[in-house]
C-alpha cells in the first residue's frame, strides 16, 4: 500500500477544509473596517458564533497528520518558519479571546473589535507567508536561527493574496447569511475582491513559473500545457460567474460555492506544481514519511476521527443553516 500518498491526500483534505471553513471567519475580521457600526459587527459575529472554533479543528487535524506521518517535513517546516507560525498562533489567540469577551463587554467593546480584526488580519497574512515560504523552498544550508526564508517579496505577495481570498469568502458568506444593507455591501465588496483575488493568483502563478525552471517545464513542456490548460480556464470561468452572481440578488448561496471553487482549483494548481515535494528541492513525501509501522498504527485513529469530524461539521452547518435574522439571538 502506498502509505505516503494516502497520508498526503488526507493531509491535503484537512488543509483544504481548514482554508475554506476558517477562511471565511478570518475574512470577517479582515472586513471589519468596512462594517463600522456596532449593529453590523454584532451581526457578523453572530453569523459565525456557532462555527468559528469548530473550523479550527481542521488546522489541528492537518498539523497532527503532518507531525505523525511526515516528521522530517514537520521538523523542517517548524524550524524554518518558527517566527511566522508563532505570530499566527498569537494572533489566533487574540482573536479567540476577543470573540468571547466582546459579547460580554460594553465600554471595552471597541477594543475587542480591534483585537478581533487585527488578530484575523495578522493570522491570514502569516498563513499566506507560510504558504509562500513553502512554495519557494527552504534553504537547508543555513542554520535555523539565521533563516529568513519566510520574509521575501514573494511571501509578502502570497500573504496579501491569501488575505484577499479570505475576505472574498467572507463576503460570499455574508451574502448567503444576511439580508438588506449588509448583504448588498458584502456583494459590492465581493465584486472588487474577485478582481484582486484573480490578480493575486495570476501574479503568484507567473512568479513561480518564471522563477522555477522545474515548475515551468511541468506546466509548459510538451503536451503538458494542453493537458493542464483546462485548470486555469475553469478557474477564470468560475471567477467570471462569481462576479456576475454577486450582482444578481437572485443568487445568494452560489457565490460562496464559486469562491470555494477558486480555492479548490488554486490548491489543485499548487499540487500540480509541487508534487511530490513537501518542501521543494529538499524533501519528497516518500523521503519525509514515518516508518510504515507508525503509519499503519495511526490509520486506526484517522479512520475513526476523520469521519467523526466531517459528520459534526456537516451537522453543525446543517442545524444553523439559514439567515441571521437579528442581532440579539442570531437565529
C-alpha atoms as a PDB file:
ATOM      1  CA  UNK A   1       0.000   0.000   0.000  1.00  0.00           C
ATOM      2  CA  UNK A   2       1.242   3.496  -0.857  1.00  0.00           C
ATOM      3  CA  UNK A   3       1.168   4.908   2.669  1.00  0.00           C
ATOM      4  CA  UNK A   4       2.909   8.205   1.908  1.00  0.00           C
ATOM      5  CA  UNK A   5       0.441   9.060  -0.853  1.00  0.00           C
ATOM      6  CA  UNK A   6      -2.536   8.113   1.328  1.00  0.00           C
ATOM      7  CA  UNK A   7      -1.466  10.417   4.147  1.00  0.00           C
ATOM      8  CA  UNK A   8      -0.562  13.136   1.661  1.00  0.00           C
ATOM      9  CA  UNK A   9      -4.173  13.064   0.411  1.00  0.00           C
ATOM     10  CA  UNK A  10      -5.569  13.047   3.959  1.00  0.00           C
ATOM     11  CA  UNK A  11      -3.400  15.987   4.971  1.00  0.00           C
ATOM     12  CA  UNK A  12      -4.318  17.861   1.780  1.00  0.00           C
ATOM     13  CA  UNK A  13      -8.018  17.334   2.501  1.00  0.00           C
ATOM     14  CA  UNK A  14      -7.620  18.657   6.058  1.00  0.00           C
ATOM     15  CA  UNK A  15      -5.719  21.741   4.869  1.00  0.00           C
ATOM     16  CA  UNK A  16      -8.306  22.460   2.174  1.00  0.00           C
ATOM     17  CA  UNK A  17     -11.169  22.136   4.671  1.00  0.00           C
ATOM     18  CA  UNK A  18      -9.408  24.499   7.060  1.00  0.00           C
ATOM     19  CA  UNK A  19      -8.795  27.089   4.354  1.00  0.00           C
ATOM     20  CA  UNK A  20     -12.412  27.001   3.161  1.00  0.00           C
ATOM     21  CA  UNK A  21     -14.082  26.968   6.584  1.00  0.00           C
ATOM     22  CA  UNK A  22     -11.797  29.040   8.783  1.00  0.00           C
ATOM     23  CA  UNK A  23     -11.019  31.235   5.786  1.00  0.00           C
ATOM     24  CA  UNK A  24     -14.396  32.958   5.770  1.00  0.00           C
ATOM     25  CA  UNK A  25     -14.462  33.663   9.507  1.00  0.00           C
ATOM     26  CA  UNK A  26     -10.920  35.055   9.364  1.00  0.00           C
ATOM     27  CA  UNK A  27     -12.164  37.057   6.390  1.00  0.00           C
ATOM     28  CA  UNK A  28     -14.919  38.609   8.505  1.00  0.00           C
ATOM     29  CA  UNK A  29     -12.256  40.130  10.736  1.00  0.00           C
ATOM     30  CA  UNK A  30     -10.439  41.457   7.668  1.00  0.00           C
ATOM     31  CA  UNK A  31     -13.719  43.059   6.509  1.00  0.00           C
ATOM     32  CA  UNK A  32     -14.382  44.738   9.879  1.00  0.00           C
ATOM     33  CA  UNK A  33     -13.212  48.229   8.799  1.00  0.00           C
ATOM     34  CA  UNK A  34     -15.869  48.254   6.052  1.00  0.00           C
ATOM     35  CA  UNK A  35     -18.679  47.477   8.534  1.00  0.00           C
ATOM     36  CA  UNK A  36     -18.207  50.117  11.183  1.00  0.00           C
ATOM     37  CA  UNK A  37     -21.493  50.207  13.105  1.00  0.00           C
ATOM     38  CA  UNK A  38     -21.974  48.147  16.247  1.00  0.00           C
ATOM     39  CA  UNK A  39     -25.135  46.522  14.868  1.00  0.00           C
ATOM     40  CA  UNK A  40     -23.362  45.373  11.708  1.00  0.00           C
ATOM     41  CA  UNK A  41     -20.459  43.921  13.673  1.00  0.00           C
ATOM     42  CA  UNK A  42     -22.851  42.201  16.055  1.00  0.00           C
ATOM     43  CA  UNK A  43     -24.489  40.613  13.033  1.00  0.00           C
ATOM     44  CA  UNK A  44     -21.156  39.457  11.603  1.00  0.00           C
ATOM     45  CA  UNK A  45     -20.096  37.918  14.915  1.00  0.00           C
ATOM     46  CA  UNK A  46     -23.438  36.161  15.378  1.00  0.00           C
ATOM     47  CA  UNK A  47     -23.185  34.675  11.902  1.00  0.00           C
ATOM     48  CA  UNK A  48     -20.076  32.660  12.874  1.00  0.00           C
ATOM     49  CA  UNK A  49     -20.648  32.207  16.617  1.00  0.00           C
ATOM     50  CA  UNK A  50     -21.661  28.566  16.117  1.00  0.00           C
ATOM     51  CA  UNK A  51     -18.807  27.504  13.822  1.00  0.00           C
ATOM     52  CA  UNK A  52     -15.673  29.591  14.324  1.00  0.00           C
ATOM     53  CA  UNK A  53     -13.955  27.367  16.897  1.00  0.00           C
ATOM     54  CA  UNK A  54     -15.020  24.125  15.195  1.00  0.00           C
ATOM     55  CA  UNK A  55     -13.490  25.352  11.942  1.00  0.00           C
ATOM     56  CA  UNK A  56     -10.067  25.431  13.560  1.00  0.00           C
ATOM     57  CA  UNK A  57     -10.314  21.693  14.267  1.00  0.00           C
ATOM     58  CA  UNK A  58      -9.077  21.138  10.730  1.00  0.00           C
ATOM     59  CA  UNK A  59      -5.890  23.100  11.440  1.00  0.00           C
ATOM     60  CA  UNK A  60      -5.148  20.833  14.391  1.00  0.00           C
ATOM     61  CA  UNK A  61      -6.009  17.708  12.395  1.00  0.00           C
ATOM     62  CA  UNK A  62      -3.749  18.689   9.485  1.00  0.00           C
ATOM     63  CA  UNK A  63      -0.910  19.541  11.869  1.00  0.00           C
ATOM     64  CA  UNK A  64      -1.222  16.178  13.635  1.00  0.00           C
ATOM     65  CA  UNK A  65      -1.111  14.296  10.308  1.00  0.00           C
ATOM     66  CA  UNK A  66       1.984  16.260   9.254  1.00  0.00           C
ATOM     67  CA  UNK A  67       3.664  15.582  12.613  1.00  0.00           C
ATOM     68  CA  UNK A  68       2.916  11.858  12.693  1.00  0.00           C
ATOM     69  CA  UNK A  69       3.090  10.895   9.002  1.00  0.00           C
ATOM     70  CA  UNK A  70       5.875  13.218   7.803  1.00  0.00           C
ATOM     71  CA  UNK A  71       8.010  14.023  10.865  1.00  0.00           C
ATOM     72  CA  UNK A  72      11.057  15.182   8.888  1.00  0.00           C
ATOM     73  CA  UNK A  73       8.971  17.691   6.942  1.00  0.00           C
ATOM     74  CA  UNK A  74       7.280  18.793  10.190  1.00  0.00           C
ATOM     75  CA  UNK A  75      10.597  19.483  11.923  1.00  0.00           C
ATOM     76  CA  UNK A  76      11.999  21.304   8.892  1.00  0.00           C
ATOM     77  CA  UNK A  77       8.926  23.488   8.372  1.00  0.00           C
ATOM     78  CA  UNK A  78       8.643  24.416  12.056  1.00  0.00           C
ATOM     79  CA  UNK A  79      12.327  25.224  12.463  1.00  0.00           C
ATOM     80  CA  UNK A  80      12.391  27.287   9.258  1.00  0.00           C
ATOM     81  CA  UNK A  81       9.036  29.018   9.769  1.00  0.00           C
ATOM     82  CA  UNK A  82       9.043  29.233  13.558  1.00  0.00           C
ATOM     83  CA  UNK A  83       8.585  33.015  13.642  1.00  0.00           C
ATOM     84  CA  UNK A  84       5.504  33.349  11.364  1.00  0.00           C
ATOM     85  CA  UNK A  85       3.907  30.267  12.938  1.00  0.00           C
ATOM     86  CA  UNK A  86       4.270  31.711  16.451  1.00  0.00           C
ATOM     87  CA  UNK A  87       2.933  35.094  15.280  1.00  0.00           C
ATOM     88  CA  UNK A  88      -0.021  33.329  13.639  1.00  0.00           C
ATOM     89  CA  UNK A  89      -0.833  31.386  16.814  1.00  0.00           C
ATOM     90  CA  UNK A  90      -0.636  34.526  18.972  1.00  0.00           C
ATOM     91  CA  UNK A  91      -2.956  36.301  16.520  1.00  0.00           C
ATOM     92  CA  UNK A  92      -5.437  33.396  16.687  1.00  0.00           C
ATOM     93  CA  UNK A  93      -5.338  33.543  20.491  1.00  0.00           C
ATOM     94  CA  UNK A  94      -6.070  37.280  20.491  1.00  0.00           C
ATOM     95  CA  UNK A  95      -8.871  36.679  18.003  1.00  0.00           C
ATOM     96  CA  UNK A  96     -10.440  33.912  20.080  1.00  0.00           C
ATOM     97  CA  UNK A  97     -10.273  35.892  23.322  1.00  0.00           C
ATOM     98  CA  UNK A  98     -11.728  38.949  21.590  1.00  0.00           C
ATOM     99  CA  UNK A  99     -14.595  36.867  20.234  1.00  0.00           C
ATOM    100  CA  UNK A 100     -15.625  35.626  23.678  1.00  0.00           C
ATOM    101  CA  UNK A 101     -15.084  38.888  25.579  1.00  0.00           C
ATOM    102  CA  UNK A 102     -16.813  41.076  23.011  1.00  0.00           C
ATOM    103  CA  UNK A 103     -20.231  39.557  23.722  1.00  0.00           C
ATOM    104  CA  UNK A 104     -19.892  40.350  27.448  1.00  0.00           C
ATOM    105  CA  UNK A 105     -18.308  43.801  27.280  1.00  0.00           C
ATOM    106  CA  UNK A 106     -19.777  47.280  26.912  1.00  0.00           C
ATOM    107  CA  UNK A 107     -17.266  50.083  27.291  1.00  0.00           C
ATOM    108  CA  UNK A 108     -14.357  47.956  26.064  1.00  0.00           C
ATOM    109  CA  UNK A 109     -16.190  46.577  23.015  1.00  0.00           C
ATOM    110  CA  UNK A 110     -14.232  48.785  20.529  1.00  0.00           C
ATOM    111  CA  UNK A 111     -11.001  47.395  21.965  1.00  0.00           C
ATOM    112  CA  UNK A 112     -12.160  43.823  21.373  1.00  0.00           C
ATOM    113  CA  UNK A 113     -13.324  44.769  17.891  1.00  0.00           C
ATOM    114  CA  UNK A 114      -9.802  45.956  17.173  1.00  0.00           C
ATOM    115  CA  UNK A 115      -8.304  42.777  18.637  1.00  0.00           C
ATOM    116  CA  UNK A 116     -10.608  40.604  16.528  1.00  0.00           C
ATOM    117  CA  UNK A 117      -9.871  42.494  13.310  1.00  0.00           C
ATOM    118  CA  UNK A 118      -6.125  42.675  13.937  1.00  0.00           C
ATOM    119  CA  UNK A 119      -5.888  39.032  15.010  1.00  0.00           C
ATOM    120  CA  UNK A 120      -7.790  37.851  11.927  1.00  0.00           C
ATOM    121  CA  UNK A 121      -5.733  40.003   9.556  1.00  0.00           C
ATOM    122  CA  UNK A 122      -2.351  39.040  11.035  1.00  0.00           C
ATOM    123  CA  UNK A 123      -3.254  35.333  11.127  1.00  0.00           C
ATOM    124  CA  UNK A 124      -4.340  35.375   7.475  1.00  0.00           C
ATOM    125  CA  UNK A 125      -1.220  37.272   6.435  1.00  0.00           C
ATOM    126  CA  UNK A 126       1.027  34.804   8.267  1.00  0.00           C
ATOM    127  CA  UNK A 127      -0.725  31.832   6.680  1.00  0.00           C
ATOM    128  CA  UNK A 128      -0.145  33.338   3.252  1.00  0.00           C
ATOM    129  CA  UNK A 129       3.516  33.991   4.011  1.00  0.00           C
ATOM    130  CA  UNK A 130       3.967  30.439   5.308  1.00  0.00           C
ATOM    131  CA  UNK A 131       2.458  29.148   2.069  1.00  0.00           C
ATOM    132  CA  UNK A 132       4.784  31.345   0.027  1.00  0.00           C
ATOM    133  CA  UNK A 133       7.817  30.221   2.018  1.00  0.00           C
ATOM    134  CA  UNK A 134       6.959  26.551   1.440  1.00  0.00           C
ATOM    135  CA  UNK A 135       6.397  27.119  -2.294  1.00  0.00           C
ATOM    136  CA  UNK A 136       9.738  28.881  -2.743  1.00  0.00           C
ATOM    137  CA  UNK A 137      11.538  26.158  -0.762  1.00  0.00           C
ATOM    138  CA  UNK A 138      13.662  26.187   2.369  1.00  0.00           C
ATOM    139  CA  UNK A 139      17.393  26.807   2.346  1.00  0.00           C
ATOM    140  CA  UNK A 140      18.622  23.806   4.328  1.00  0.00           C
ATOM    141  CA  UNK A 141      22.236  25.022   4.291  1.00  0.00           C
ATOM    142  CA  UNK A 142      21.657  27.901   6.705  1.00  0.00           C
ATOM    143  CA  UNK A 143      21.378  27.448  10.472  1.00  0.00           C
ATOM    144  CA  UNK A 144      17.896  27.546  11.941  1.00  0.00           C
ATOM    145  CA  UNK A 145      18.369  30.814  13.830  1.00  0.00           C
ATOM    146  CA  UNK A 146      19.565  32.618  10.691  1.00  0.00           C
ATOM    147  CA  UNK A 147      16.777  31.665   8.322  1.00  0.00           C
ATOM    148  CA  UNK A 148      14.525  34.341   6.842  1.00  0.00           C
ATOM    149  CA  UNK A 149      13.021  32.197   4.088  1.00  0.00           C
ATOM    150  CA  UNK A 150       9.564  33.267   5.214  1.00  0.00           C
ATOM    151  CA  UNK A 151      10.178  37.003   4.622  1.00  0.00           C
ATOM    152  CA  UNK A 152      10.653  37.917   0.984  1.00  0.00           C
ATOM    153  CA  UNK A 153       8.771  39.831  -1.751  1.00  0.00           C
ATOM    154  CA  UNK A 154       7.192  36.572  -2.897  1.00  0.00           C
ATOM    155  CA  UNK A 155       5.910  35.601   0.564  1.00  0.00           C
ATOM    156  CA  UNK A 156       4.524  39.110   1.086  1.00  0.00           C
ATOM    157  CA  UNK A 157       2.658  38.749  -2.217  1.00  0.00           C
ATOM    158  CA  UNK A 158       1.216  35.375  -1.205  1.00  0.00           C
ATOM    159  CA  UNK A 159       0.274  36.845   2.174  1.00  0.00           C
ATOM    160  CA  UNK A 160      -1.823  39.592   0.610  1.00  0.00           C
ATOM    161  CA  UNK A 161      -3.282  37.130  -1.912  1.00  0.00           C
ATOM    162  CA  UNK A 162      -4.489  34.850   0.890  1.00  0.00           C
ATOM    163  CA  UNK A 163      -5.929  37.830   2.765  1.00  0.00           C
ATOM    164  CA  UNK A 164      -7.887  38.864  -0.334  1.00  0.00           C
ATOM    165  CA  UNK A 165      -9.122  35.307  -0.824  1.00  0.00           C
ATOM    166  CA  UNK A 166     -10.318  35.004   2.779  1.00  0.00           C
ATOM    167  CA  UNK A 167     -12.069  38.368   2.530  1.00  0.00           C
ATOM    168  CA  UNK A 168     -13.808  37.194  -0.663  1.00  0.00           C
ATOM    169  CA  UNK A 169     -15.024  34.044   1.100  1.00  0.00           C
ATOM    170  CA  UNK A 170     -16.329  36.239   3.928  1.00  0.00           C
ATOM    171  CA  UNK A 171     -18.224  38.486   1.510  1.00  0.00           C
ATOM    172  CA  UNK A 172     -19.880  35.481  -0.108  1.00  0.00           C
ATOM    173  CA  UNK A 173     -20.703  34.035   3.319  1.00  0.00           C
ATOM    174  CA  UNK A 174     -22.289  37.313   4.440  1.00  0.00           C
ATOM    175  CA  UNK A 175     -24.263  37.436   1.203  1.00  0.00           C
ATOM    176  CA  UNK A 176     -25.599  33.967   1.990  1.00  0.00           C
ATOM    177  CA  UNK A 177     -26.385  34.611   5.677  1.00  0.00           C
ATOM    178  CA  UNK A 178     -27.635  38.220   5.629  1.00  0.00           C
ATOM    179  CA  UNK A 179     -30.397  40.431   4.297  1.00  0.00           C
ATOM    180  CA  UNK A 180     -30.702  44.069   3.343  1.00  0.00           C
ATOM    181  CA  UNK A 181     -27.851  46.550   3.501  1.00  0.00           C
ATOM    182  CA  UNK A 182     -25.279  44.099   4.870  1.00  0.00           C
ATOM    183  CA  UNK A 183     -25.867  41.652   2.023  1.00  0.00           C
ATOM    184  CA  UNK A 184     -25.694  44.422  -0.575  1.00  0.00           C
ATOM    185  CA  UNK A 185     -22.466  45.831   0.816  1.00  0.00           C
ATOM    186  CA  UNK A 186     -20.929  42.360   1.038  1.00  0.00           C
ATOM    187  CA  UNK A 187     -21.802  41.751  -2.616  1.00  0.00           C
ATOM    188  CA  UNK A 188     -20.315  45.112  -3.621  1.00  0.00           C
ATOM    189  CA  UNK A 189     -17.070  44.408  -1.773  1.00  0.00           C
ATOM    190  CA  UNK A 190     -17.036  40.866  -3.136  1.00  0.00           C
ATOM    191  CA  UNK A 191     -17.071  42.070  -6.749  1.00  0.00           C
ATOM    192  CA  UNK A 192     -13.984  44.170  -6.086  1.00  0.00           C
ATOM    193  CA  UNK A 193     -12.265  41.312  -4.301  1.00  0.00           C
ATOM    194  CA  UNK A 194     -12.869  38.891  -7.182  1.00  0.00           C
ATOM    195  CA  UNK A 195     -10.636  41.129  -9.312  1.00  0.00           C
ATOM    196  CA  UNK A 196      -7.939  41.350  -6.618  1.00  0.00           C
ATOM    197  CA  UNK A 197      -8.007  37.604  -5.965  1.00  0.00           C
ATOM    198  CA  UNK A 198      -7.632  36.744  -9.645  1.00  0.00           C
ATOM    199  CA  UNK A 199      -4.835  39.297  -9.967  1.00  0.00           C
ATOM    200  CA  UNK A 200      -3.091  37.762  -6.947  1.00  0.00           C
ATOM    201  CA  UNK A 201      -3.466  34.226  -8.326  1.00  0.00           C
ATOM    202  CA  UNK A 202      -2.093  35.348 -11.690  1.00  0.00           C
ATOM    203  CA  UNK A 203       0.917  37.104 -10.176  1.00  0.00           C
ATOM    204  CA  UNK A 204       1.780  34.195  -7.879  1.00  0.00           C
ATOM    205  CA  UNK A 205       1.420  31.713 -10.755  1.00  0.00           C
ATOM    206  CA  UNK A 206       3.566  33.750 -13.123  1.00  0.00           C
ATOM    207  CA  UNK A 207       6.196  34.346 -10.429  1.00  0.00           C
ATOM    208  CA  UNK A 208       6.568  30.640  -9.694  1.00  0.00           C
ATOM    209  CA  UNK A 209       6.611  29.663 -13.377  1.00  0.00           C
ATOM    210  CA  UNK A 210       9.268  32.245 -14.219  1.00  0.00           C
ATOM    211  CA  UNK A 211      11.402  31.662 -11.120  1.00  0.00           C
ATOM    212  CA  UNK A 212      11.374  27.849 -11.034  1.00  0.00           C
ATOM    213  CA  UNK A 213      12.560  26.007 -14.185  1.00  0.00           C
ATOM    214  CA  UNK A 214      11.147  22.718 -12.908  1.00  0.00           C
ATOM    215  CA  UNK A 215       7.673  24.185 -12.429  1.00  0.00           C
ATOM    216  CA  UNK A 216       7.898  25.946 -15.794  1.00  0.00           C
ATOM    217  CA  UNK A 217       8.761  22.672 -17.512  1.00  0.00           C
ATOM    218  CA  UNK A 218       5.929  20.904 -15.719  1.00  0.00           C
ATOM    219  CA  UNK A 219       3.313  23.411 -16.900  1.00  0.00           C
ATOM    220  CA  UNK A 220       4.632  24.400 -20.319  1.00  0.00           C
ATOM    221  CA  UNK A 221       6.758  21.473 -21.503  1.00  0.00           C
ATOM    222  CA  UNK A 222       5.464  19.439 -24.446  1.00  0.00           C
ATOM    223  CA  UNK A 223       1.814  18.410 -24.325  1.00  0.00           C
ATOM    224  CA  UNK A 224       1.529  19.180 -20.612  1.00  0.00           C
ATOM    225  CA  UNK A 225       0.366  22.689 -21.440  1.00  0.00           C
ATOM    226  CA  UNK A 226      -2.655  21.363 -23.348  1.00  0.00           C
ATOM    227  CA  UNK A 227      -3.407  18.776 -20.667  1.00  0.00           C
ATOM    228  CA  UNK A 228      -3.279  21.332 -17.819  1.00  0.00           C
ATOM    229  CA  UNK A 229      -4.864  24.232 -19.719  1.00  0.00           C
ATOM    230  CA  UNK A 230      -8.429  23.395 -18.524  1.00  0.00           C
ATOM    231  CA  UNK A 231      -7.395  24.101 -14.920  1.00  0.00           C
ATOM    232  CA  UNK A 232      -6.710  27.867 -15.343  1.00  0.00           C
ATOM    233  CA  UNK A 233      -9.569  28.181 -17.847  1.00  0.00           C
ATOM    234  CA  UNK A 234     -12.114  26.698 -15.430  1.00  0.00           C
ATOM    235  CA  UNK A 235     -10.749  28.973 -12.686  1.00  0.00           C
ATOM    236  CA  UNK A 236     -11.308  32.031 -14.890  1.00  0.00           C
ATOM    237  CA  UNK A 237     -14.830  30.875 -15.783  1.00  0.00           C
ATOM    238  CA  UNK A 238     -15.658  30.427 -12.079  1.00  0.00           C
ATOM    239  CA  UNK A 239     -14.374  33.952 -11.340  1.00  0.00           C
ATOM    240  CA  UNK A 240     -16.493  35.456 -14.147  1.00  0.00           C
ATOM    241  CA  UNK A 241     -19.571  33.567 -12.962  1.00  0.00           C
ATOM    242  CA  UNK A 242     -18.896  34.657  -9.374  1.00  0.00           C
ATOM    243  CA  UNK A 243     -18.603  38.314 -10.389  1.00  0.00           C
ATOM    244  CA  UNK A 244     -21.929  38.121 -12.228  1.00  0.00           C
ATOM    245  CA  UNK A 245     -23.738  36.258  -9.457  1.00  0.00           C
ATOM    246  CA  UNK A 246     -22.681  38.859  -6.890  1.00  0.00           C
ATOM    247  CA  UNK A 247     -24.555  41.432  -8.988  1.00  0.00           C
ATOM    248  CA  UNK A 248     -27.688  39.273  -9.154  1.00  0.00           C
ATOM    249  CA  UNK A 249     -29.871  39.321  -5.986  1.00  0.00           C
ATOM    250  CA  UNK A 250     -31.450  36.025  -7.065  1.00  0.00           C
ATOM    251  CA  UNK A 251     -28.247  34.142  -6.304  1.00  0.00           C
ATOM    252  CA  UNK A 252     -27.465  34.091  -2.600  1.00  0.00           C
ATOM    253  CA  UNK A 253     -25.739  30.749  -1.992  1.00  0.00           C
ATOM    254  CA  UNK A 254     -23.965  30.041  -5.267  1.00  0.00           C
ATOM    255  CA  UNK A 255     -21.311  32.803  -4.867  1.00  0.00           C
ATOM    256  CA  UNK A 256     -19.919  31.077  -1.775  1.00  0.00           C
ATOM    257  CA  UNK A 257     -19.511  27.775  -3.597  1.00  0.00           C
ATOM    258  CA  UNK A 258     -17.929  29.508  -6.572  1.00  0.00           C
ATOM    259  CA  UNK A 259     -15.458  31.262  -4.253  1.00  0.00           C
ATOM    260  CA  UNK A 260     -14.693  27.882  -2.671  1.00  0.00           C
ATOM    261  CA  UNK A 261     -14.122  26.505  -6.178  1.00  0.00           C
ATOM    262  CA  UNK A 262     -11.482  29.197  -6.788  1.00  0.00           C
ATOM    263  CA  UNK A 263      -9.589  27.942  -3.742  1.00  0.00           C
ATOM    264  CA  UNK A 264     -10.058  24.325  -4.827  1.00  0.00           C
ATOM    265  CA  UNK A 265      -8.624  24.928  -8.294  1.00  0.00           C
ATOM    266  CA  UNK A 266      -5.839  27.081  -6.878  1.00  0.00           C
ATOM    267  CA  UNK A 267      -4.989  24.252  -4.483  1.00  0.00           C
ATOM    268  CA  UNK A 268      -5.016  21.782  -7.388  1.00  0.00           C
ATOM    269  CA  UNK A 269      -2.610  24.008  -9.320  1.00  0.00           C
ATOM    270  CA  UNK A 270      -0.325  24.137  -6.303  1.00  0.00           C
ATOM    271  CA  UNK A 271      -0.271  20.333  -6.084  1.00  0.00           C
ATOM    272  CA  UNK A 272       0.483  20.058  -9.805  1.00  0.00           C
ATOM    273  CA  UNK A 273       3.408  22.460  -9.383  1.00  0.00           C
ATOM    274  CA  UNK A 274       4.961  20.910  -6.279  1.00  0.00           C
ATOM    275  CA  UNK A 275       4.144  17.195  -6.232  1.00  0.00           C
ATOM    276  CA  UNK A 276       5.836  15.015  -4.989  1.00  0.00           C
ATOM    277  CA  UNK A 277       7.703  17.561  -2.862  1.00  0.00           C
ATOM    278  CA  UNK A 278       6.543  18.570   0.606  1.00  0.00           C
ATOM    279  CA  UNK A 279       9.403  21.086   0.659  1.00  0.00           C
ATOM    280  CA  UNK A 280      10.515  21.984  -2.885  1.00  0.00           C
ATOM    281  CA  UNK A 281      14.081  20.981  -3.781  1.00  0.00           C
ATOM    282  CA  UNK A 282      14.533  19.348  -0.366  1.00  0.00           C
ATOM    283  CA  UNK A 283      12.041  16.681   0.688  1.00  0.00           C
ATOM    284  CA  UNK A 284       9.604  14.477  -1.197  1.00  0.00           C
ATOM    285  CA  UNK A 285       6.737  12.890   0.673  1.00  0.00           C
ATOM    286  CA  UNK A 286       8.496   9.484   0.460  1.00  0.00           C
ATOM    287  CA  UNK A 287      11.695  10.888   1.950  1.00  0.00           C
ATOM    288  CA  UNK A 288       9.785  12.526   4.782  1.00  0.00           C
ATOM    289  CA  UNK A 289       7.386   9.700   5.670  1.00  0.00           C
ATOM    290  CA  UNK A 290       7.383   7.964   9.037  1.00  0.00           C
ATOM    291  CA  UNK A 291       8.076   4.220   9.390  1.00  0.00           C
ATOM    292  CA  UNK A 292       5.385   2.006   7.916  1.00  0.00           C
ATOM    293  CA  UNK A 293       4.503   0.593  11.332  1.00  0.00           C
ATOM    294  CA  UNK A 294       3.694   4.110  12.554  1.00  0.00           C
ATOM    295  CA  UNK A 295       1.528   4.850   9.532  1.00  0.00           C
ATOM    296  CA  UNK A 296      -0.413   1.598   9.977  1.00  0.00           C
ATOM    297  CA  UNK A 297      -0.971   2.284  13.674  1.00  0.00           C
ATOM    298  CA  UNK A 298      -2.142   5.846  13.008  1.00  0.00           C
ATOM    299  CA  UNK A 299      -4.635   4.706  10.367  1.00  0.00           C
ATOM    300  CA  UNK A 300      -6.937   3.366  13.107  1.00  0.00           C
ATOM    301  CA  UNK A 301      -7.270   6.824  14.640  1.00  0.00           C
ATOM    302  CA  UNK A 302      -7.634   8.522  11.262  1.00  0.00           C
ATOM    303  CA  UNK A 303     -10.422   6.133  10.229  1.00  0.00           C
ATOM    304  CA  UNK A 304     -12.265   6.982  13.462  1.00  0.00           C
ATOM    305  CA  UNK A 305     -11.691  10.708  13.838  1.00  0.00           C
ATOM    306  CA  UNK A 306     -11.852  11.893  10.215  1.00  0.00           C
ATOM    307  CA  UNK A 307     -15.450  10.711   9.611  1.00  0.00           C
ATOM    308  CA  UNK A 308     -16.465  11.998  13.045  1.00  0.00           C
ATOM    309  CA  UNK A 309     -15.063  15.485  12.362  1.00  0.00           C
ATOM    310  CA  UNK A 310     -16.735  15.519   8.937  1.00  0.00           C
ATOM    311  CA  UNK A 311     -20.084  14.476  10.447  1.00  0.00           C
ATOM    312  CA  UNK A 312     -20.179  17.030  13.256  1.00  0.00           C
ATOM    313  CA  UNK A 313     -19.012  19.769  10.865  1.00  0.00           C
ATOM    314  CA  UNK A 314     -21.807  18.930   8.428  1.00  0.00           C
ATOM    315  CA  UNK A 315     -24.348  18.644  11.243  1.00  0.00           C
ATOM    316  CA  UNK A 316     -23.367  21.982  12.761  1.00  0.00           C
ATOM    317  CA  UNK A 317     -23.750  23.817   9.459  1.00  0.00           C
ATOM    318  CA  UNK A 318     -26.996  21.987   8.750  1.00  0.00           C
ATOM    319  CA  UNK A 319     -28.567  22.866  12.103  1.00  0.00           C
ATOM    320  CA  UNK A 320     -27.602  26.555  11.822  1.00  0.00           C
ATOM    321  CA  UNK A 321     -28.402  26.962   8.143  1.00  0.00           C
ATOM    322  CA  UNK A 322     -30.481  29.939   7.076  1.00  0.00           C
ATOM    323  CA  UNK A 323     -30.282  33.657   7.639  1.00  0.00           C
ATOM    324  CA  UNK A 324     -29.149  35.538  10.725  1.00  0.00           C
ATOM    325  CA  UNK A 325     -32.321  37.490  11.386  1.00  0.00           C
ATOM    326  CA  UNK A 326     -31.494  39.671  14.400  1.00  0.00           C
ATOM    327  CA  UNK A 327     -28.536  40.867  16.406  1.00  0.00           C
ATOM    328  CA  UNK A 328     -29.551  39.560  19.821  1.00  0.00           C
ATOM    329  CA  UNK A 329     -30.416  35.908  19.220  1.00  0.00           C
ATOM    330  CA  UNK A 330     -28.556  35.265  15.994  1.00  0.00           C
ATOM    331  CA  UNK A 331     -31.015  32.740  14.509  1.00  0.00           C
END
